Structures are given as structure tokens and as C-alpha cells.
Amino acid sequence: MGNVVSDRVTKAHRLVASEQELREVVGRELPDAGLSELVIMGGHFMLFEDDATGRLVPGIIEEQRGDVMRRRVAGRVGVFPGYTWRLSADLARSYTDAGTAIRLLLLVNDWQYVPKTDRPASELRAEFFAGFTALPDDYLSALAEAGLSPDVVLPSRKHPLAFPETWLKYRFQKAADKFVKQGLLEKRFLDSGEESGAESGEESGRVSGRDTEVAFLDAEGNYRTLISCGITGCAGEITEMISEVHRAGHRSILIFAPGECLVPVQTGVEIALNLYDLRGMRVVIAAPGGSGEMSEDEIYGNLVSVSTYRS
């Protein structure tokens, strides 16, 4: 099913019931013939606190040695991180064999399960990323099996191996002020419904004790909230991630997103393509699991959504 998102962006959507179907859809939407480059976002993981050390560790079930951490990760994200990384590596090998320049993008959720302890969350995050100098062993093994080097990983301007979500949230919040001034985003007061003018230079969040939100008005007249009460949502960070990928010179990206994040990821992509006026991009979003599924049967038994955006 296809539709026009705006005068510059089109969208197609379908459901698949197996990995083979997913691969076939990806092959049709991103054919290797004539595709010079492609970014694949896979292996997305959350950071969890290791009770034994008090440090943050990747929420990848294959990396856990203790039963408590395995159960915690399994119950929250299941096999999603490792499964999508291995799938990404295998697809990357196929594209590389066809002559396509491939980069893998690793998005890290470094805020949702960071505990509130006597140590500031920012300190825990900084400690993790300072020590994150190599990919997890399971990810390295998947690359080796695919005949790929760790150099295939796309660095962000924040970290050589990862795109931290808090960094993307912060960058978007700073950019949003500029877009409000330009009239491309709207800042609204939540308590009265009164809108602030585009010329307002006030920070997103609270203005004179009043809660505000920053939203994008889409072609159908719907408000897509990006920042509420000073907090940037997932759509905002994805908007910034797509902008960063474009800034790095890439025009095609395949995103493996958790199913529960599908809507904000779709929203973020739509807004990025329109807000930043990113022309000539192809973005495919697939959502294979991510809510505790522990097998391919569980993942595809619920059907997997695949969306394609072109600008």
C-alpha cells in the first residue's frame, strides 16, 4: 500500500510473515543494482545496569553471563539486538558482494534503563562510552562470519562506534529552537493552548512556569509532537539521526527498529525528510520484534511491518 506523505515524500507499507519475505521486500525497495551506498541500522540495544559492578552494559542477551541479567534483557527486548545485527551483517555481505559500499549504524538507547542512583546518569553514560572501544563479542563474531571488518561501522560525531540517543536528543532540541524561529515548527503552551510566536527565543520546556511543546504540523493538519515539557521524544532523535546520516553523505538507509518504537521512528523519518528538506533519500524501516520475542517464530508470528519512504 502506498500513499503521499507530502508533496516531497511518498510512503509504501506492507506486512511480512517471514525473514525470507522481509529479505525479498528489502531487495525490491533497495535493489543492489545501481545502489552505490547503503547504511543499515541494526543491533540497536539499551543500556542496563549490571548489579554486580554497578556499571552500564549492553542489553544483548548473548553477552550476558548471569541468569538475572539474562532474564532482565530477555523479558525486555528478547533476541532483537543480536538478531538484527546478524541480519544486518548478512545483508551487508550480499550488498558488498554486489559492489555497494556498506556502513552499519549502531544506535544505543543510553537513557531509558539508566538507573537513578547516587551517581548522576551523565556520569554513568560517560563511563560506558569511554570504555566502549570495541563492539560486543557477539557482534564482532557476526561481522567475521560475514567477512566484514569492524571498520564497516559508521561513526557518529559523538562516538566512533555508536550513535548515542541522548546526544541525538540534545542536538535536536538545540535545532528545534532555530526551526521554531523560522516557522517550520510550532511551540505551543499546553496549559492554555496559546501558541508562542515563531520569533520567540525562549528555550523549549517551560516558559514563565508554563509547560510547552514543540510540534510539526504535517500535510494532513496533524500535530506531531517532538518535544514536550523540555523532553525530546523518540521521533525527535530519529529526525536528527536521519539528518546526521544525510550530512555524512548517505542517501539510502535500512532501519531495523523495535516494533514498539515503529510509530515514532516513522514519524521521525517523515519529519526529517520534510523539515530538513532532504532530497533523493530512500529509507526502509522494518520492525522485527524487540518486545521480548525469543525466536523468529515469535517475531514473524505477529507479522512484521515494513515501510519505505522516498524523497
C-alpha atoms as a PDB file:
ATOM      1  CA  MET A   1       0.000   0.000   0.000  1.00  0.00           C
ATOM      2  CA  GLY A   2       1.407   3.399  -0.968  1.00  0.00           C
ATOM      3  CA  ASN A   3       0.483   6.983  -0.259  1.00  0.00           C
ATOM      4  CA  VAL A   4       1.824  10.527  -0.485  1.00  0.00           C
ATOM      5  CA  VAL A   5       3.067  11.879   2.850  1.00  0.00           C
ATOM      6  CA  SER A   6       3.709  15.358   1.433  1.00  0.00           C
ATOM      7  CA  ASP A   7       4.463  16.965  -1.902  1.00  0.00           C
ATOM      8  CA  ARG A   8       8.058  15.794  -1.438  1.00  0.00           C
ATOM      9  CA  VAL A   9       7.756  12.435   0.325  1.00  0.00           C
ATOM     10  CA  THR A  10       5.991   9.182  -0.590  1.00  0.00           C
ATOM     11  CA  LYS A  11       5.432   6.163   1.622  1.00  0.00           C
ATOM     12  CA  ALA A  12       4.691   2.492   0.990  1.00  0.00           C
ATOM     13  CA  HIS A  13       3.768  -0.032   3.682  1.00  0.00           C
ATOM     14  CA  ARG A  14       3.380  -3.800   3.864  1.00  0.00           C
ATOM     15  CA  LEU A  15       3.436  -6.699   6.322  1.00  0.00           C
ATOM     16  CA  VAL A  16       5.664  -9.760   6.056  1.00  0.00           C
ATOM     17  CA  ALA A  17       5.363 -13.144   7.757  1.00  0.00           C
ATOM     18  CA  SER A  18       8.915 -14.497   7.485  1.00  0.00           C
ATOM     19  CA  GLU A  19      12.524 -13.429   7.266  1.00  0.00           C
ATOM     20  CA  GLN A  20      12.584 -14.562   3.647  1.00  0.00           C
ATOM     21  CA  GLU A  21       9.685 -12.238   2.833  1.00  0.00           C
ATOM     22  CA  LEU A  22      11.475  -9.429   4.643  1.00  0.00           C
ATOM     23  CA  ARG A  23      14.630 -10.007   2.623  1.00  0.00           C
ATOM     24  CA  GLU A  24      12.619 -10.011  -0.596  1.00  0.00           C
ATOM     25  CA  VAL A  25      10.962  -6.690   0.260  1.00  0.00           C
ATOM     26  CA  VAL A  26      14.314  -5.138   1.159  1.00  0.00           C
ATOM     27  CA  GLY A  27      15.732  -6.425  -2.127  1.00  0.00           C
ATOM     28  CA  ARG A  28      12.909  -4.801  -4.087  1.00  0.00           C
ATOM     29  CA  GLU A  29      12.988  -1.492  -2.243  1.00  0.00           C
ATOM     30  CA  LEU A  30      16.782  -1.287  -2.122  1.00  0.00           C
ATOM     31  CA  PRO A  31      17.958  -3.240  -5.192  1.00  0.00           C
ATOM     32  CA  ASP A  32      21.712  -3.736  -5.250  1.00  0.00           C
ATOM     33  CA  ALA A  33      21.824  -2.975  -8.979  1.00  0.00           C
ATOM     34  CA  GLY A  34      22.805   0.667  -9.236  1.00  0.00           C
ATOM     35  CA  LEU A  35      22.875   1.173  -5.455  1.00  0.00           C
ATOM     36  CA  SER A  36      26.221   2.814  -4.767  1.00  0.00           C
ATOM     37  CA  GLU A  37      25.946   3.014  -0.985  1.00  0.00           C
ATOM     38  CA  LEU A  38      23.704   1.904   1.875  1.00  0.00           C
ATOM     39  CA  VAL A  39      23.567   2.406   5.634  1.00  0.00           C
ATOM     40  CA  ILE A  40      21.976  -0.380   7.690  1.00  0.00           C
ATOM     41  CA  MET A  41      20.907   0.367  11.253  1.00  0.00           C
ATOM     42  CA  GLY A  42      20.827  -2.898  13.191  1.00  0.00           C
ATOM     43  CA  GLY A  43      21.785  -4.298  16.571  1.00  0.00           C
ATOM     44  CA  HIS A  44      20.115  -1.429  18.449  1.00  0.00           C
ATOM     45  CA  PHE A  45      20.447  -2.063  22.175  1.00  0.00           C
ATOM     46  CA  MET A  46      19.596  -0.499  25.523  1.00  0.00           C
ATOM     47  CA  LEU A  47      21.987   0.006  28.400  1.00  0.00           C
ATOM     48  CA  PHE A  48      21.210  -1.855  31.628  1.00  0.00           C
ATOM     49  CA  GLU A  49      22.916  -1.654  34.992  1.00  0.00           C
ATOM     50  CA  ASP A  50      24.935  -4.716  35.929  1.00  0.00           C
ATOM     51  CA  ASP A  51      24.057  -5.307  39.580  1.00  0.00           C
ATOM     52  CA  ALA A  52      27.404  -6.957  40.219  1.00  0.00           C
ATOM     53  CA  THR A  53      29.515  -3.999  39.072  1.00  0.00           C
ATOM     54  CA  GLY A  54      27.171  -1.010  39.131  1.00  0.00           C
ATOM     55  CA  ARG A  55      28.222  -0.235  35.567  1.00  0.00           C
ATOM     56  CA  LEU A  56      26.124   0.074  32.426  1.00  0.00           C
ATOM     57  CA  VAL A  57      26.333  -2.821  29.981  1.00  0.00           C
ATOM     58  CA  PRO A  58      24.789  -3.514  26.553  1.00  0.00           C
ATOM     59  CA  GLY A  59      21.387  -5.194  26.798  1.00  0.00           C
ATOM     60  CA  ILE A  60      22.304  -8.034  24.444  1.00  0.00           C
ATOM     61  CA  ILE A  61      21.203 -11.437  25.691  1.00  0.00           C
ATOM     62  CA  GLU A  62      24.112 -13.278  24.063  1.00  0.00           C
ATOM     63  CA  GLU A  63      26.528 -11.106  26.053  1.00  0.00           C
ATOM     64  CA  GLN A  64      25.044 -11.900  29.473  1.00  0.00           C
ATOM     65  CA  ARG A  65      26.693 -14.455  31.734  1.00  0.00           C
ATOM     66  CA  GLY A  66      24.456 -14.213  34.783  1.00  0.00           C
ATOM     67  CA  ASP A  67      20.896 -15.546  34.971  1.00  0.00           C
ATOM     68  CA  VAL A  68      19.498 -12.334  36.470  1.00  0.00           C
ATOM     69  CA  MET A  69      20.762 -10.154  33.635  1.00  0.00           C
ATOM     70  CA  ARG A  70      19.734 -12.705  31.017  1.00  0.00           C
ATOM     71  CA  ARG A  71      16.178 -12.746  32.354  1.00  0.00           C
ATOM     72  CA  ARG A  72      16.075  -8.955  32.550  1.00  0.00           C
ATOM     73  CA  VAL A  73      17.242  -8.471  28.974  1.00  0.00           C
ATOM     74  CA  ALA A  74      15.148 -11.351  27.637  1.00  0.00           C
ATOM     75  CA  GLY A  75      11.984 -10.003  29.214  1.00  0.00           C
ATOM     76  CA  ARG A  76      12.526  -6.519  27.852  1.00  0.00           C
ATOM     77  CA  VAL A  77      13.990  -6.861  24.348  1.00  0.00           C
ATOM     78  CA  GLY A  78      14.379 -10.583  23.684  1.00  0.00           C
ATOM     79  CA  VAL A  79      16.714 -11.519  20.855  1.00  0.00           C
ATOM     80  CA  PHE A  80      16.140  -8.285  18.910  1.00  0.00           C
ATOM     81  CA  PRO A  81      19.641  -6.724  19.263  1.00  0.00           C
ATOM     82  CA  GLY A  82      21.642  -9.805  18.295  1.00  0.00           C
ATOM     83  CA  TYR A  83      19.148 -10.982  15.687  1.00  0.00           C
ATOM     84  CA  THR A  84      19.007  -7.665  13.837  1.00  0.00           C
ATOM     85  CA  TRP A  85      22.790  -7.267  13.983  1.00  0.00           C
ATOM     86  CA  ARG A  86      23.358 -10.697  12.444  1.00  0.00           C
ATOM     87  CA  LEU A  87      20.688  -9.993   9.833  1.00  0.00           C
ATOM     88  CA  SER A  88      22.310  -6.636   9.076  1.00  0.00           C
ATOM     89  CA  ALA A  89      25.749  -8.217   8.718  1.00  0.00           C
ATOM     90  CA  ASP A  90      24.422 -10.898   6.375  1.00  0.00           C
ATOM     91  CA  LEU A  91      22.614  -8.342   4.225  1.00  0.00           C
ATOM     92  CA  ALA A  92      25.730  -6.167   4.254  1.00  0.00           C
ATOM     93  CA  ARG A  93      27.769  -9.053   2.874  1.00  0.00           C
ATOM     94  CA  SER A  94      25.316  -9.516  -0.010  1.00  0.00           C
ATOM     95  CA  TYR A  95      25.378  -5.831  -0.880  1.00  0.00           C
ATOM     96  CA  THR A  96      29.161  -5.682  -0.575  1.00  0.00           C
ATOM     97  CA  ASP A  97      29.488  -8.629  -2.964  1.00  0.00           C
ATOM     98  CA  ALA A  98      27.342  -6.671  -5.436  1.00  0.00           C
ATOM     99  CA  GLY A  99      29.631  -3.645  -5.205  1.00  0.00           C
ATOM    100  CA  THR A 100      27.580  -1.482  -2.828  1.00  0.00           C
ATOM    101  CA  ALA A 101      29.517   0.493  -0.208  1.00  0.00           C
ATOM    102  CA  ILE A 102      28.026  -0.521   3.148  1.00  0.00           C
ATOM    103  CA  ARG A 103      28.089   1.091   6.579  1.00  0.00           C
ATOM    104  CA  LEU A 104      26.427  -0.302   9.702  1.00  0.00           C
ATOM    105  CA  LEU A 105      24.901   2.147  12.176  1.00  0.00           C
ATOM    106  CA  LEU A 106      24.601   1.250  15.860  1.00  0.00           C
ATOM    107  CA  LEU A 107      22.011   3.266  17.797  1.00  0.00           C
ATOM    108  CA  VAL A 108      22.347   2.989  21.588  1.00  0.00           C
ATOM    109  CA  ASN A 109      19.494   3.732  23.994  1.00  0.00           C
ATOM    110  CA  ASP A 110      21.546   5.262  26.807  1.00  0.00           C
ATOM    111  CA  TRP A 111      18.750   6.738  28.916  1.00  0.00           C
ATOM    112  CA  GLN A 112      15.666   4.546  29.354  1.00  0.00           C
ATOM    113  CA  TYR A 113      17.092   1.996  31.795  1.00  0.00           C
ATOM    114  CA  VAL A 114      19.915   4.047  33.258  1.00  0.00           C
ATOM    115  CA  PRO A 115      19.189   3.794  36.998  1.00  0.00           C
ATOM    116  CA  LYS A 116      18.681   6.661  39.396  1.00  0.00           C
ATOM    117  CA  THR A 117      21.445   6.147  41.920  1.00  0.00           C
ATOM    118  CA  ASP A 118      23.860   8.294  43.877  1.00  0.00           C
ATOM    119  CA  ARG A 119      25.870   8.614  40.657  1.00  0.00           C
ATOM    120  CA  PRO A 120      24.499  11.007  38.005  1.00  0.00           C
ATOM    121  CA  ALA A 121      23.164   9.366  34.846  1.00  0.00           C
ATOM    122  CA  SER A 122      25.523  11.517  32.792  1.00  0.00           C
ATOM    123  CA  GLU A 123      28.478  10.074  34.708  1.00  0.00           C
ATOM    124  CA  LEU A 124      27.309   6.501  34.133  1.00  0.00           C
ATOM    125  CA  ARG A 125      26.847   7.174  30.414  1.00  0.00           C
ATOM    126  CA  ALA A 126      30.235   8.845  30.079  1.00  0.00           C
ATOM    127  CA  GLU A 127      31.873   5.897  31.824  1.00  0.00           C
ATOM    128  CA  PHE A 128      30.213   3.436  29.453  1.00  0.00           C
ATOM    129  CA  PHE A 129      31.088   5.235  26.233  1.00  0.00           C
ATOM    130  CA  ALA A 130      34.660   5.897  27.368  1.00  0.00           C
ATOM    131  CA  GLY A 131      35.101   2.150  27.753  1.00  0.00           C
ATOM    132  CA  PHE A 132      33.153   1.231  24.627  1.00  0.00           C
ATOM    133  CA  THR A 133      36.208   0.908  22.412  1.00  0.00           C
ATOM    134  CA  ALA A 134      35.225  -2.322  20.655  1.00  0.00           C
ATOM    135  CA  LEU A 135      31.976  -3.900  19.548  1.00  0.00           C
ATOM    136  CA  PRO A 136      30.433  -6.619  21.752  1.00  0.00           C
ATOM    137  CA  ASP A 137      31.955 -10.049  21.125  1.00  0.00           C
ATOM    138  CA  ASP A 138      28.758 -11.417  19.575  1.00  0.00           C
ATOM    139  CA  TYR A 139      28.679  -8.501  17.129  1.00  0.00           C
ATOM    140  CA  LEU A 140      32.330  -8.981  16.207  1.00  0.00           C
ATOM    141  CA  SER A 141      31.687 -12.673  15.558  1.00  0.00           C
ATOM    142  CA  ALA A 142      28.770 -11.841  13.270  1.00  0.00           C
ATOM    143  CA  LEU A 143      30.942  -9.454  11.271  1.00  0.00           C
ATOM    144  CA  ALA A 144      33.718 -12.034  10.997  1.00  0.00           C
ATOM    145  CA  GLU A 145      31.262 -14.682   9.776  1.00  0.00           C
ATOM    146  CA  ALA A 146      30.079 -12.235   7.123  1.00  0.00           C
ATOM    147  CA  GLY A 147      33.652 -11.466   6.094  1.00  0.00           C
ATOM    148  CA  LEU A 148      33.357  -7.867   7.274  1.00  0.00           C
ATOM    149  CA  SER A 149      35.710  -5.688   9.297  1.00  0.00           C
ATOM    150  CA  PRO A 150      34.647  -3.559  12.296  1.00  0.00           C
ATOM    151  CA  ASP A 151      35.633  -0.607  10.110  1.00  0.00           C
ATOM    152  CA  VAL A 152      32.246  -1.032   8.419  1.00  0.00           C
ATOM    153  CA  VAL A 153      30.623   0.664  11.436  1.00  0.00           C
ATOM    154  CA  LEU A 154      29.562   4.250  10.745  1.00  0.00           C
ATOM    155  CA  PRO A 155      30.949   6.603  13.401  1.00  0.00           C
ATOM    156  CA  SER A 156      28.869   9.449  14.739  1.00  0.00           C
ATOM    157  CA  ARG A 157      30.278  12.854  15.524  1.00  0.00           C
ATOM    158  CA  LYS A 158      29.939  11.855  19.183  1.00  0.00           C
ATOM    159  CA  HIS A 159      31.454   8.362  19.252  1.00  0.00           C
ATOM    160  CA  PRO A 160      33.468   6.172  16.842  1.00  0.00           C
ATOM    161  CA  LEU A 161      31.169   3.149  17.230  1.00  0.00           C
ATOM    162  CA  ALA A 162      27.755   4.432  18.237  1.00  0.00           C
ATOM    163  CA  PHE A 163      25.014   6.999  17.864  1.00  0.00           C
ATOM    164  CA  PRO A 164      24.001   7.714  21.494  1.00  0.00           C
ATOM    165  CA  GLU A 165      20.328   8.603  21.825  1.00  0.00           C
ATOM    166  CA  THR A 166      20.892  11.304  24.456  1.00  0.00           C
ATOM    167  CA  TRP A 167      23.286  13.070  22.080  1.00  0.00           C
ATOM    168  CA  LEU A 168      20.711  12.966  19.287  1.00  0.00           C
ATOM    169  CA  LYS A 169      18.002  14.240  21.640  1.00  0.00           C
ATOM    170  CA  TYR A 170      20.195  17.139  22.734  1.00  0.00           C
ATOM    171  CA  ARG A 171      21.153  18.038  19.170  1.00  0.00           C
ATOM    172  CA  PHE A 172      17.534  18.043  18.042  1.00  0.00           C
ATOM    173  CA  GLN A 173      16.431  20.168  20.978  1.00  0.00           C
ATOM    174  CA  LYS A 174      19.023  22.782  20.041  1.00  0.00           C
ATOM    175  CA  ALA A 175      18.000  22.637  16.368  1.00  0.00           C
ATOM    176  CA  ALA A 176      14.313  22.933  17.281  1.00  0.00           C
ATOM    177  CA  ASP A 177      14.799  26.456  18.621  1.00  0.00           C
ATOM    178  CA  LYS A 178      16.052  27.517  15.201  1.00  0.00           C
ATOM    179  CA  PHE A 179      13.164  25.810  13.412  1.00  0.00           C
ATOM    180  CA  VAL A 180      10.633  27.500  15.702  1.00  0.00           C
ATOM    181  CA  LYS A 181      12.120  30.887  14.838  1.00  0.00           C
ATOM    182  CA  GLN A 182      11.908  30.007  11.140  1.00  0.00           C
ATOM    183  CA  GLY A 183       8.272  28.973  11.489  1.00  0.00           C
ATOM    184  CA  LEU A 184       8.963  25.365  10.481  1.00  0.00           C
ATOM    185  CA  LEU A 185       7.998  24.019  13.909  1.00  0.00           C
ATOM    186  CA  GLU A 186       5.381  25.350  16.295  1.00  0.00           C
ATOM    187  CA  LYS A 187       5.794  25.965  20.004  1.00  0.00           C
ATOM    188  CA  ARG A 188       2.534  25.748  21.919  1.00  0.00           C
ATOM    189  CA  PHE A 189       1.568  26.372  25.532  1.00  0.00           C
ATOM    190  CA  LEU A 190      -0.023  23.257  26.987  1.00  0.00           C
ATOM    191  CA  ASP A 191      -1.966  24.889  29.798  1.00  0.00           C
ATOM    192  CA  SER A 192      -3.887  27.373  27.653  1.00  0.00           C
ATOM    193  CA  GLY A 193      -3.428  26.184  24.087  1.00  0.00           C
ATOM    194  CA  GLU A 194      -1.901  29.553  23.256  1.00  0.00           C
ATOM    195  CA  GLU A 195       0.860  29.349  20.681  1.00  0.00           C
ATOM    196  CA  SER A 196       4.066  31.257  21.031  1.00  0.00           C
ATOM    197  CA  GLY A 197       5.260  33.242  18.069  1.00  0.00           C
ATOM    198  CA  ALA A 198       7.931  31.906  15.779  1.00  0.00           C
ATOM    199  CA  GLU A 199      10.066  34.832  16.791  1.00  0.00           C
ATOM    200  CA  SER A 200      10.208  33.660  20.399  1.00  0.00           C
ATOM    201  CA  GLY A 201      13.734  32.941  21.559  1.00  0.00           C
ATOM    202  CA  GLU A 202      12.681  31.090  24.694  1.00  0.00           C
ATOM    203  CA  GLU A 203      14.043  27.631  25.384  1.00  0.00           C
ATOM    204  CA  SER A 204      11.831  24.586  24.820  1.00  0.00           C
ATOM    205  CA  GLY A 205      10.314  23.252  28.034  1.00  0.00           C
ATOM    206  CA  ARG A 206       8.828  25.727  30.479  1.00  0.00           C
ATOM    207  CA  VAL A 207       8.208  29.382  29.731  1.00  0.00           C
ATOM    208  CA  SER A 208       7.376  31.583  32.710  1.00  0.00           C
ATOM    209  CA  GLY A 209       6.310  28.481  34.635  1.00  0.00           C
ATOM    210  CA  ARG A 210       4.114  27.163  31.814  1.00  0.00           C
ATOM    211  CA  ASP A 211       4.631  23.844  30.041  1.00  0.00           C
ATOM    212  CA  THR A 212       5.211  23.959  26.299  1.00  0.00           C
ATOM    213  CA  GLU A 213       5.572  21.532  23.441  1.00  0.00           C
ATOM    214  CA  VAL A 214       7.249  21.779  20.064  1.00  0.00           C
ATOM    215  CA  ALA A 215       5.393  20.086  17.228  1.00  0.00           C
ATOM    216  CA  PHE A 216       5.489  19.600  13.473  1.00  0.00           C
ATOM    217  CA  LEU A 217       2.300  20.300  11.517  1.00  0.00           C
ATOM    218  CA  ASP A 218       2.036  17.646   8.799  1.00  0.00           C
ATOM    219  CA  ALA A 219       0.333  17.857   5.411  1.00  0.00           C
ATOM    220  CA  GLU A 220      -2.923  16.490   6.854  1.00  0.00           C
ATOM    221  CA  GLY A 221      -3.085  19.145   9.555  1.00  0.00           C
ATOM    222  CA  ASN A 222      -1.995  16.840  12.385  1.00  0.00           C
ATOM    223  CA  TYR A 223       0.429  17.987  15.057  1.00  0.00           C
ATOM    224  CA  ARG A 224       3.373  15.594  15.547  1.00  0.00           C
ATOM    225  CA  THR A 225       4.850  16.328  18.972  1.00  0.00           C
ATOM    226  CA  LEU A 226       8.646  16.272  19.090  1.00  0.00           C
ATOM    227  CA  ILE A 227       9.458  17.985  22.383  1.00  0.00           C
ATOM    228  CA  SER A 228       7.104  18.074  25.357  1.00  0.00           C
ATOM    229  CA  CYS A 229       7.898  19.819  28.645  1.00  0.00           C
ATOM    230  CA  GLY A 230      11.537  20.066  27.615  1.00  0.00           C
ATOM    231  CA  ILE A 231      11.895  16.347  26.825  1.00  0.00           C
ATOM    232  CA  THR A 232      12.719  15.267  23.284  1.00  0.00           C
ATOM    233  CA  GLY A 233      10.777  12.164  22.256  1.00  0.00           C
ATOM    234  CA  CYS A 234      11.968   9.264  20.115  1.00  0.00           C
ATOM    235  CA  ALA A 235      10.650  10.903  16.939  1.00  0.00           C
ATOM    236  CA  GLY A 236      12.901  13.897  17.556  1.00  0.00           C
ATOM    237  CA  GLU A 237      16.031  11.800  17.977  1.00  0.00           C
ATOM    238  CA  ILE A 238      15.273   9.799  14.811  1.00  0.00           C
ATOM    239  CA  THR A 239      14.747  13.064  12.938  1.00  0.00           C
ATOM    240  CA  GLU A 240      18.240  14.093  13.982  1.00  0.00           C
ATOM    241  CA  MET A 241      19.733  10.669  13.193  1.00  0.00           C
ATOM    242  CA  ILE A 242      18.414  10.794   9.622  1.00  0.00           C
ATOM    243  CA  SER A 243      19.834  14.300   9.295  1.00  0.00           C
ATOM    244  CA  GLU A 244      23.224  13.063  10.523  1.00  0.00           C
ATOM    245  CA  VAL A 245      23.205  10.188   8.012  1.00  0.00           C
ATOM    246  CA  HIS A 246      22.408  12.631   5.205  1.00  0.00           C
ATOM    247  CA  ARG A 247      25.089  15.017   6.455  1.00  0.00           C
ATOM    248  CA  ALA A 248      27.612  12.156   6.240  1.00  0.00           C
ATOM    249  CA  GLY A 249      26.818  11.839   2.532  1.00  0.00           C
ATOM    250  CA  HIS A 250      24.468   8.843   2.574  1.00  0.00           C
ATOM    251  CA  ARG A 251      21.140   8.718   0.762  1.00  0.00           C
ATOM    252  CA  SER A 252      19.873   5.179   1.433  1.00  0.00           C
ATOM    253  CA  ILE A 253      19.232   3.652   4.850  1.00  0.00           C
ATOM    254  CA  LEU A 254      17.629   0.458   6.124  1.00  0.00           C
ATOM    255  CA  ILE A 255      16.444   0.694   9.734  1.00  0.00           C
ATOM    256  CA  PHE A 256      15.671  -2.288  11.965  1.00  0.00           C
ATOM    257  CA  ALA A 257      13.574  -0.767  14.747  1.00  0.00           C
ATOM    258  CA  PRO A 258      11.808  -2.391  17.717  1.00  0.00           C
ATOM    259  CA  GLY A 259       8.122  -2.894  16.980  1.00  0.00           C
ATOM    260  CA  GLU A 260       7.029  -0.755  19.924  1.00  0.00           C
ATOM    261  CA  CYS A 261       9.096   2.131  18.502  1.00  0.00           C
ATOM    262  CA  LEU A 262       7.768   1.834  14.959  1.00  0.00           C
ATOM    263  CA  VAL A 263       5.363   4.792  15.040  1.00  0.00           C
ATOM    264  CA  PRO A 264       7.833   7.345  16.481  1.00  0.00           C
ATOM    265  CA  VAL A 265      10.538   6.075  14.113  1.00  0.00           C
ATOM    266  CA  GLN A 266       8.199   6.501  11.137  1.00  0.00           C
ATOM    267  CA  THR A 267       7.250   9.958  12.387  1.00  0.00           C
ATOM    268  CA  GLY A 268      10.897  10.903  12.840  1.00  0.00           C
ATOM    269  CA  VAL A 269      11.765   9.827   9.306  1.00  0.00           C
ATOM    270  CA  GLU A 270       8.809  11.681   7.777  1.00  0.00           C
ATOM    271  CA  ILE A 271       9.654  14.856   9.657  1.00  0.00           C
ATOM    272  CA  ALA A 272      13.375  14.651   8.861  1.00  0.00           C
ATOM    273  CA  LEU A 273      12.747  14.345   5.132  1.00  0.00           C
ATOM    274  CA  ASN A 274      10.387  17.330   5.207  1.00  0.00           C
ATOM    275  CA  LEU A 275      11.891  19.537   7.914  1.00  0.00           C
ATOM    276  CA  TYR A 276      15.480  19.300   6.671  1.00  0.00           C
ATOM    277  CA  ASP A 277      14.332  19.129   3.024  1.00  0.00           C
ATOM    278  CA  LEU A 278      16.411  16.001   2.420  1.00  0.00           C
ATOM    279  CA  ARG A 279      16.083  15.207  -1.272  1.00  0.00           C
ATOM    280  CA  GLY A 280      16.863  11.948  -3.038  1.00  0.00           C
ATOM    281  CA  MET A 281      16.662   9.697   0.018  1.00  0.00           C
ATOM    282  CA  ARG A 282      15.318   6.166   0.358  1.00  0.00           C
ATOM    283  CA  VAL A 283      14.533   4.962   3.871  1.00  0.00           C
ATOM    284  CA  VAL A 284      13.219   1.476   4.636  1.00  0.00           C
ATOM    285  CA  ILE A 285      12.010   0.710   8.177  1.00  0.00           C
ATOM    286  CA  ALA A 286      11.410  -2.863   9.359  1.00  0.00           C
ATOM    287  CA  ALA A 287      10.277  -3.774  12.874  1.00  0.00           C
ATOM    288  CA  PRO A 288      11.196  -7.407  13.667  1.00  0.00           C
ATOM    289  CA  GLY A 289      10.370  -7.874  17.340  1.00  0.00           C
ATOM    290  CA  GLY A 290      12.010  -6.009  20.192  1.00  0.00           C
ATOM    291  CA  SER A 291       9.390  -6.615  22.898  1.00  0.00           C
ATOM    292  CA  GLY A 292      10.696  -9.814  24.434  1.00  0.00           C
ATOM    293  CA  GLU A 293      10.367 -12.178  21.463  1.00  0.00           C
ATOM    294  CA  MET A 294      12.866 -15.009  21.831  1.00  0.00           C
ATOM    295  CA  SER A 295      12.660 -16.687  18.412  1.00  0.00           C
ATOM    296  CA  GLU A 296      11.996 -15.980  14.750  1.00  0.00           C
ATOM    297  CA  ASP A 297       8.668 -17.794  15.081  1.00  0.00           C
ATOM    298  CA  GLU A 298       7.603 -15.328  17.761  1.00  0.00           C
ATOM    299  CA  ILE A 299       8.882 -12.360  15.754  1.00  0.00           C
ATOM    300  CA  TYR A 300       7.208 -13.201  12.459  1.00  0.00           C
ATOM    301  CA  GLY A 301       4.179 -14.877  14.002  1.00  0.00           C
ATOM    302  CA  ASN A 302       2.973 -11.378  14.868  1.00  0.00           C
ATOM    303  CA  LEU A 303       3.789 -10.161  11.326  1.00  0.00           C
ATOM    304  CA  VAL A 304       6.481  -7.576  10.725  1.00  0.00           C
ATOM    305  CA  SER A 305       5.804  -4.104   9.381  1.00  0.00           C
ATOM    306  CA  VAL A 306       7.976  -2.724   6.570  1.00  0.00           C
ATOM    307  CA  SER A 307       7.682   0.904   5.441  1.00  0.00           C
ATOM    308  CA  THR A 308       9.513   2.671   2.631  1.00  0.00           C
ATOM    309  CA  TYR A 309       9.959   6.429   2.293  1.00  0.00           C
ATOM    310  CA  ARG A 310      11.274   8.233  -0.772  1.00  0.00           C
ATOM    311  CA  SER A 311      12.035  11.915  -1.083  1.00  0.00           C
END
